[in-house]
Protein backbone atom coordinates (compact mmCIF):
# COMPACT_ATOMS: atom_id res chain seq x y z
CA ASN A 1 3.73 8.16 36.22
CA LEU A 2 5.23 5.04 37.03
CA ASN A 3 6.27 4.45 40.93
CA ASP A 4 9.98 3.99 42.15
CA ASP A 5 11.55 0.73 40.51
CA VAL A 6 8.63 -0.21 38.34
CA SER A 7 9.14 -0.80 35.02
CA GLN A 8 8.00 -2.41 31.68
CA SER A 9 9.61 -6.09 30.98
CA GLY A 10 9.68 -7.23 27.74
CA PHE A 11 6.91 -6.08 24.89
CA SER A 12 3.24 -5.70 26.22
CA THR A 13 0.91 -6.51 23.77
CA GLY A 14 -3.00 -5.82 22.91
CA PHE A 15 -5.60 -6.76 20.74
CA HIS A 16 -8.59 -4.79 19.29
CA LEU A 17 -11.39 -5.89 17.34
CA GLY A 18 -14.69 -3.59 16.72
CA PHE A 19 -17.31 -2.19 14.84
CA ILE A 20 -17.52 1.94 14.36
CA ARG A 21 -21.21 3.33 12.52
CA ASP A 22 -19.80 6.20 10.64
CA ILE A 23 -22.52 8.86 10.36
CA PRO A 24 -21.75 11.75 8.05
CA ILE A 25 -22.45 14.92 9.14
CA ASN A 26 -21.90 16.84 5.58
CA LYS A 27 -22.71 16.55 2.09
CA ARG A 28 -19.63 15.33 0.77
CA ARG A 29 -19.58 12.93 3.30
CA ASN A 30 -16.18 13.27 4.23
CA PHE A 31 -16.72 14.63 7.66
CA ALA A 32 -18.64 12.30 10.32
CA ILE A 33 -18.89 11.24 13.72
CA GLY A 34 -18.20 7.53 14.15
CA LEU A 35 -19.86 5.77 17.24
CA GLY A 36 -19.00 1.80 17.93
CA ALA A 37 -18.56 -1.25 20.15
CA GLY A 38 -15.60 -3.75 20.53
CA LEU A 39 -13.62 -5.88 22.78
CA SER A 40 -9.97 -5.90 23.67
CA SER A 41 -7.30 -7.64 25.16
CA ASN A 42 -4.27 -6.13 26.63
CA SER A 43 -1.02 -8.00 28.37
CA TYR A 44 0.92 -5.75 30.39
CA ASN A 45 4.51 -7.29 31.30
CA GLN A 46 6.47 -5.86 34.46
CA ASN A 47 8.11 -6.59 37.16
CA ILE A 48 5.14 -5.92 40.22
CA ILE A 49 4.08 -9.42 42.04
CA ILE A 50 0.67 -9.23 42.59
CA SER A 51 -0.13 -12.05 45.29
CA GLU A 52 -3.46 -12.69 47.60
CA VAL A 53 -2.74 -12.27 51.33
CA ASP A 54 -5.60 -12.54 53.91
CA GLY A 55 -8.87 -11.67 51.70
CA GLY A 56 -6.48 -8.93 50.26
CA TYR A 57 -4.15 -8.23 47.46
CA ASN A 58 -0.09 -7.59 47.92
CA TYR A 59 1.96 -5.42 45.58
CA GLU A 60 5.81 -5.93 45.76
CA ILE A 61 8.75 -5.43 43.33
CA PHE A 62 10.35 -8.52 42.35
CA ASP A 63 14.05 -8.97 44.15
CA SER A 64 16.79 -8.81 41.02
CA ASP A 65 18.15 -12.21 42.56
CA ILE A 66 15.05 -13.88 41.55
CA ASN A 67 15.06 -15.65 38.15
CA VAL A 68 11.27 -14.49 37.03
CA THR A 69 10.46 -16.32 33.29
CA LYS A 70 6.90 -14.79 33.22
CA ASN A 71 5.09 -11.92 35.16
CA LYS A 72 2.10 -10.10 33.41
CA PHE A 73 -1.30 -8.94 34.33
CA THR A 74 -4.03 -8.85 31.37
CA THR A 75 -7.46 -6.92 31.14
CA TYR A 76 -10.28 -7.77 28.95
CA LEU A 77 -12.41 -4.88 28.05
CA LEU A 78 -16.00 -3.53 26.49
CA ASP A 79 -14.46 -0.65 24.44
CA ILE A 80 -16.99 2.47 23.32
CA PRO A 81 -15.24 4.44 20.83
CA LEU A 82 -16.62 8.05 19.77
CA GLU A 83 -14.58 9.67 16.94
CA PHE A 84 -14.59 12.69 14.66
CA ARG A 85 -13.69 11.64 11.46
CA TRP A 86 -12.30 13.30 8.13
CA ARG A 87 -11.31 11.66 5.23
CA THR A 88 -10.43 12.48 1.29
CA SER A 89 -12.59 9.71 0.12
CA THR A 90 -15.20 9.91 -2.58
CA PRO A 91 -18.02 7.86 -3.59
CA THR A 92 -15.87 5.95 -6.13
CA VAL A 93 -12.39 5.56 -4.31
CA ASN A 94 -12.41 3.56 -1.24
CA ARG A 95 -8.13 4.15 -0.60
CA PHE A 96 -8.03 7.70 0.89
CA TRP A 97 -6.54 9.80 3.66
CA ARG A 98 -7.84 9.35 7.27
CA VAL A 99 -7.56 11.18 10.32
CA TYR A 100 -9.72 10.30 13.01
CA PRO A 101 -9.10 11.84 16.60
CA GLY A 102 -11.64 10.36 19.46
CA PHE A 103 -12.22 9.07 22.86
CA LYS A 104 -12.66 5.68 23.79
CA PHE A 105 -14.82 4.24 27.31
CA SER A 106 -13.87 0.71 27.86
CA TYR A 107 -15.27 -1.17 30.55
CA LEU A 108 -13.06 -3.78 32.48
CA PHE A 109 -15.15 -6.87 32.67
CA TYR A 110 -12.23 -9.34 33.70
CA ASN A 111 -8.43 -9.59 34.49
CA SER A 112 -6.04 -11.81 35.16
CA THR A 113 -2.30 -12.00 36.90
CA LYS A 114 0.11 -14.63 36.05
CA THR A 115 3.45 -15.07 37.31
CA ARG A 116 6.09 -17.64 37.24
CA SER A 117 9.39 -17.19 39.09
CA ASP A 118 11.69 -19.59 41.20
CA LEU A 119 9.49 -18.58 43.66
CA GLY A 120 6.56 -20.40 42.03
CA ARG A 121 3.41 -19.97 40.21
CA ILE A 122 0.85 -17.56 41.13
CA ASP A 123 -2.35 -17.33 38.92
CA LEU A 124 -5.27 -14.88 40.17
CA ALA A 125 -8.40 -13.51 38.37
CA ASN A 126 -10.66 -10.75 39.06
CA VAL A 127 -8.56 -8.84 41.15
CA ASP A 128 -10.67 -6.36 42.67
CA ASP A 129 -7.83 -3.45 42.76
CA PHE A 130 -8.19 -2.72 39.03
CA GLU A 131 -10.27 0.27 37.65
CA GLU A 132 -13.39 -1.18 35.99
CA LEU A 133 -14.45 2.05 33.92
CA GLN A 134 -11.03 3.17 31.71
CA TYR A 135 -11.19 5.95 29.14
CA GLY A 136 -8.74 8.06 26.93
CA LEU A 137 -8.15 9.31 23.77
CA THR A 138 -7.42 8.11 20.53
CA LEU A 139 -5.73 9.06 16.74
CA SER A 140 -5.83 6.96 14.02
CA VAL A 141 -4.01 8.39 10.70
CA GLY A 142 -3.33 6.85 7.47
CA TYR A 143 -3.81 6.03 4.27
CA GLY A 144 -5.80 3.24 2.77
CA ASP A 145 -6.68 -0.29 5.22
CA TRP A 146 -3.29 0.46 7.36
CA ASN A 147 -3.09 3.26 9.76
CA PHE A 148 -1.64 4.36 12.80
CA HIS A 149 -3.46 4.04 16.04
CA PHE A 150 -2.51 5.75 19.54
CA TYR A 151 -4.16 5.42 22.17
CA TYR A 152 -3.39 7.74 25.52
CA ALA A 153 -5.09 6.45 28.93
CA LEU A 154 -6.20 9.38 31.12
CA ASN A 155 -6.72 7.54 34.40
CA PRO A 156 -4.88 4.64 35.73
CA ILE A 157 -5.23 1.22 35.43
CA PHE A 158 -5.55 0.13 39.21
CA LYS A 159 -7.69 1.89 41.88
CA ASP A 160 -5.90 3.65 44.64
CA THR A 161 -6.40 0.81 46.57
CA ALA A 162 -3.57 -0.86 44.69
CA GLN A 163 -0.73 0.32 47.28
CA LEU A 164 2.95 -0.38 46.12
CA ASN A 165 5.58 0.40 49.37
CA GLY A 166 2.44 3.06 50.84
CA GLN A 167 1.86 4.80 47.38
CA PRO A 168 -0.94 4.31 45.20
CA ILE A 169 0.39 2.24 41.66
CA ASP A 170 -0.30 4.96 39.42
CA ILE A 171 0.07 3.34 35.90
CA SER A 172 -1.72 4.33 33.00
CA ALA A 173 -1.58 3.07 29.61
CA MET A 174 0.07 4.31 26.25
CA LYS A 175 -0.69 2.12 23.28
CA ILE A 176 0.93 2.76 19.80
CA GLY A 177 0.21 0.38 16.82
CA ILE A 178 -1.62 -0.17 13.75
CA MET A 179 -5.44 -0.14 12.93
CA PHE A 180 -6.46 -2.24 10.03
CA TYR A 181 -9.70 -1.23 8.52
CA ILE A 182 -12.34 -3.14 6.72
CA LEU A 183 -14.80 -1.03 4.42
């Protein structure tokens, strides 16, 4: 749902750390509900300049003639995941197949923006236009400790007050990565 001329530049990164309590719901203990808490940091490299103007925020696309060395915004979140968990585990086997679809609520407690270009340096913190409550669907699938992980946000990163050329900035997160489980 990107606005015209908005694009990702480079590789955006994320780091997530948390704990999920496994609550078995059958006698064999291969079906469970997982409820947890965690922290995450996500950096989004893109071509939107976020600057502060007259007590508010201005959003514009970089002109292609400008040399940009860094342009990103970073979100820091408190995460509450809820998962339905299926696995092929037994009481004596700790390497098993797993499929964990779920839902994650996140509360944004801090954000920052960094821009480095020919025009100078812009650093902002706690921009009001970021959506404080973020939520989306999750899926972890794999065998053993290393698993494929997918997250699809169901709401945008910015509030409707963040406008680019008179239109709300309708950017949502989609994350693909590796999840490591410690039993």
